[in-house]
N, C-alpha and C. Protein backbone atom coordinates (compact mmCIF):
# COMPACT_ATOMS: atom_id res chain seq x y z
N MET A 1 -55.38 67.90 -14.08
CA MET A 1 -55.25 67.20 -12.78
C MET A 1 -55.42 68.14 -11.63
N SER A 2 -55.85 67.96 -10.60
CA SER A 2 -55.94 68.71 -9.45
C SER A 2 -54.67 69.04 -8.93
N GLU A 3 -54.49 70.25 -8.05
CA GLU A 3 -53.43 70.63 -7.45
C GLU A 3 -53.65 70.16 -6.08
N THR A 4 -52.37 69.63 -5.53
CA THR A 4 -52.54 68.95 -3.99
C THR A 4 -52.31 70.30 -3.15
N LYS A 5 -52.88 70.14 -2.04
CA LYS A 5 -52.64 71.21 -1.04
C LYS A 5 -51.41 70.80 -0.23
N LYS A 6 -50.46 71.68 0.08
CA LYS A 6 -49.64 71.57 0.94
C LYS A 6 -49.83 72.11 2.34
N ARG A 7 -49.27 71.37 3.23
CA ARG A 7 -49.49 71.64 4.84
C ARG A 7 -48.78 72.92 5.01
N LYS A 8 -49.39 73.89 5.95
CA LYS A 8 -48.67 74.95 6.47
C LYS A 8 -47.69 74.61 7.58
N VAL A 9 -46.68 75.20 7.63
CA VAL A 9 -45.66 74.85 8.54
C VAL A 9 -45.53 76.16 9.45
N HIS A 10 -45.83 76.07 10.73
CA HIS A 10 -45.88 77.05 11.56
C HIS A 10 -44.64 76.87 12.43
N THR A 11 -43.96 78.13 12.66
CA THR A 11 -43.00 78.34 13.49
C THR A 11 -43.34 78.04 15.04
N ALA A 12 -42.39 77.87 15.93
CA ALA A 12 -42.50 77.76 17.32
C ALA A 12 -43.28 79.14 17.84
N GLU A 13 -42.51 80.38 17.34
CA GLU A 13 -42.86 81.53 17.68
C GLU A 13 -44.40 81.90 17.59
N TYR A 14 -44.77 81.61 16.42
CA TYR A 14 -46.23 81.69 16.04
C TYR A 14 -47.11 80.67 16.85
N LYS A 15 -46.62 79.76 17.23
CA LYS A 15 -47.41 78.74 17.71
C LYS A 15 -47.58 79.33 19.37
N ALA A 16 -46.61 79.73 19.70
CA ALA A 16 -46.65 80.48 21.13
C ALA A 16 -47.62 81.62 20.94
N LYS A 17 -47.65 82.44 20.10
CA LYS A 17 -48.29 83.65 20.02
C LYS A 17 -49.84 83.25 19.96
N VAL A 18 -49.82 82.25 19.14
CA VAL A 18 -51.60 81.92 19.13
C VAL A 18 -51.62 81.20 20.45
N GLY A 19 -51.19 80.24 20.98
CA GLY A 19 -51.42 79.55 22.02
C GLY A 19 -51.68 80.72 23.25
N LEU A 20 -50.84 81.74 23.52
CA LEU A 20 -50.95 82.70 24.46
C LEU A 20 -52.08 83.54 24.22
N GLU A 21 -52.32 83.81 23.01
CA GLU A 21 -53.68 84.73 22.53
C GLU A 21 -54.76 84.01 23.07
N ALA A 22 -54.74 82.71 22.77
CA ALA A 22 -55.96 81.90 23.46
C ALA A 22 -56.30 81.65 24.93
N LEU A 23 -54.97 81.91 25.70
CA LEU A 23 -55.11 81.95 27.05
C LEU A 23 -55.55 83.22 27.44
N ARG A 24 -55.20 84.27 26.92
CA ARG A 24 -55.33 85.69 27.61
C ARG A 24 -56.57 86.10 27.28
N SER A 25 -56.93 86.30 25.89
CA SER A 25 -58.21 86.76 25.55
C SER A 25 -59.39 86.24 25.95
N GLY A 26 -60.59 87.12 25.71
CA GLY A 26 -62.15 86.51 26.15
C GLY A 26 -62.45 86.25 24.83
N LYS A 27 -61.68 86.12 23.73
CA LYS A 27 -62.51 85.85 22.37
C LYS A 27 -62.87 84.28 22.47
N THR A 28 -63.74 84.09 21.27
CA THR A 28 -64.28 82.76 21.33
C THR A 28 -63.33 82.06 20.41
N ILE A 29 -63.43 80.62 20.50
CA ILE A 29 -62.39 79.80 19.77
C ILE A 29 -62.49 80.03 18.22
N ASN A 30 -63.63 80.24 17.60
CA ASN A 30 -63.75 80.60 16.24
C ASN A 30 -63.38 81.93 15.86
N GLN A 31 -63.37 82.85 16.83
CA GLN A 31 -62.83 84.22 16.41
C GLN A 31 -61.24 84.24 16.42
N ILE A 32 -60.66 83.56 17.31
CA ILE A 32 -59.20 83.29 17.35
C ILE A 32 -58.81 82.42 16.06
N GLY A 33 -59.46 81.64 15.82
CA GLY A 33 -59.24 80.80 14.68
C GLY A 33 -59.17 81.52 13.22
N GLN A 34 -60.35 81.99 13.04
CA GLN A 34 -60.42 82.97 11.97
C GLN A 34 -59.31 84.16 11.84
N GLU A 35 -59.03 84.81 13.06
CA GLU A 35 -57.87 85.90 13.14
C GLU A 35 -56.58 85.37 12.74
N PHE A 36 -56.33 84.19 13.02
CA PHE A 36 -54.86 83.78 12.75
C PHE A 36 -54.93 82.60 11.64
N ASP A 37 -55.99 82.36 11.07
CA ASP A 37 -56.14 81.34 10.00
C ASP A 37 -55.49 80.08 10.58
N VAL A 38 -55.94 79.62 11.51
CA VAL A 38 -55.50 78.12 12.12
C VAL A 38 -56.79 77.45 12.48
N HIS A 39 -57.06 76.33 12.35
CA HIS A 39 -58.17 75.52 12.73
C HIS A 39 -58.11 75.63 14.39
N PRO A 40 -59.46 75.75 14.85
CA PRO A 40 -59.48 75.74 16.32
C PRO A 40 -58.83 74.61 16.91
N VAL A 41 -59.10 73.32 16.48
CA VAL A 41 -58.51 72.04 17.11
C VAL A 41 -57.08 72.20 17.19
N GLN A 42 -56.49 72.73 16.31
CA GLN A 42 -54.87 72.98 16.22
C GLN A 42 -54.31 73.76 17.02
N PHE A 43 -55.19 75.15 17.42
CA PHE A 43 -54.64 76.10 18.33
C PHE A 43 -54.97 75.64 19.76
N CYS A 44 -55.83 74.89 19.89
CA CYS A 44 -56.34 74.33 21.28
C CYS A 44 -55.17 73.30 21.79
N GLN A 45 -54.75 72.45 20.88
CA GLN A 45 -53.54 71.67 21.10
C GLN A 45 -52.49 72.47 21.48
N TRP A 46 -52.13 73.62 20.77
CA TRP A 46 -50.91 74.51 21.17
C TRP A 46 -51.19 75.21 22.72
N LYS A 47 -52.45 75.63 22.76
CA LYS A 47 -52.60 76.00 24.17
C LYS A 47 -52.53 75.16 25.28
N LYS A 48 -52.97 73.88 25.06
CA LYS A 48 -52.92 73.00 26.10
C LYS A 48 -51.27 72.60 26.30
N ALA A 49 -50.40 72.61 25.18
CA ALA A 49 -49.06 72.50 25.46
C ALA A 49 -48.47 73.54 26.33
N ILE A 50 -48.74 74.76 26.18
CA ILE A 50 -48.38 75.81 26.93
C ILE A 50 -48.98 75.84 28.32
N GLN A 51 -49.95 75.16 28.66
CA GLN A 51 -50.65 75.17 29.93
C GLN A 51 -49.67 74.11 30.80
N GLU A 52 -49.49 72.96 29.97
CA GLU A 52 -48.63 71.89 30.75
C GLU A 52 -47.19 72.40 30.73
């Protein structure tokens, strides 16, 4: 049988760190996603939450 993938659980501090990096840096969405191993859509949601 195949193994099931478990979801990653990120702390609030990690979300804030990635979201702030997205706001501050001039990097592309894909570069930030690869650097932090997070899907671009996910950290864009975190960035939006910080902006609000």
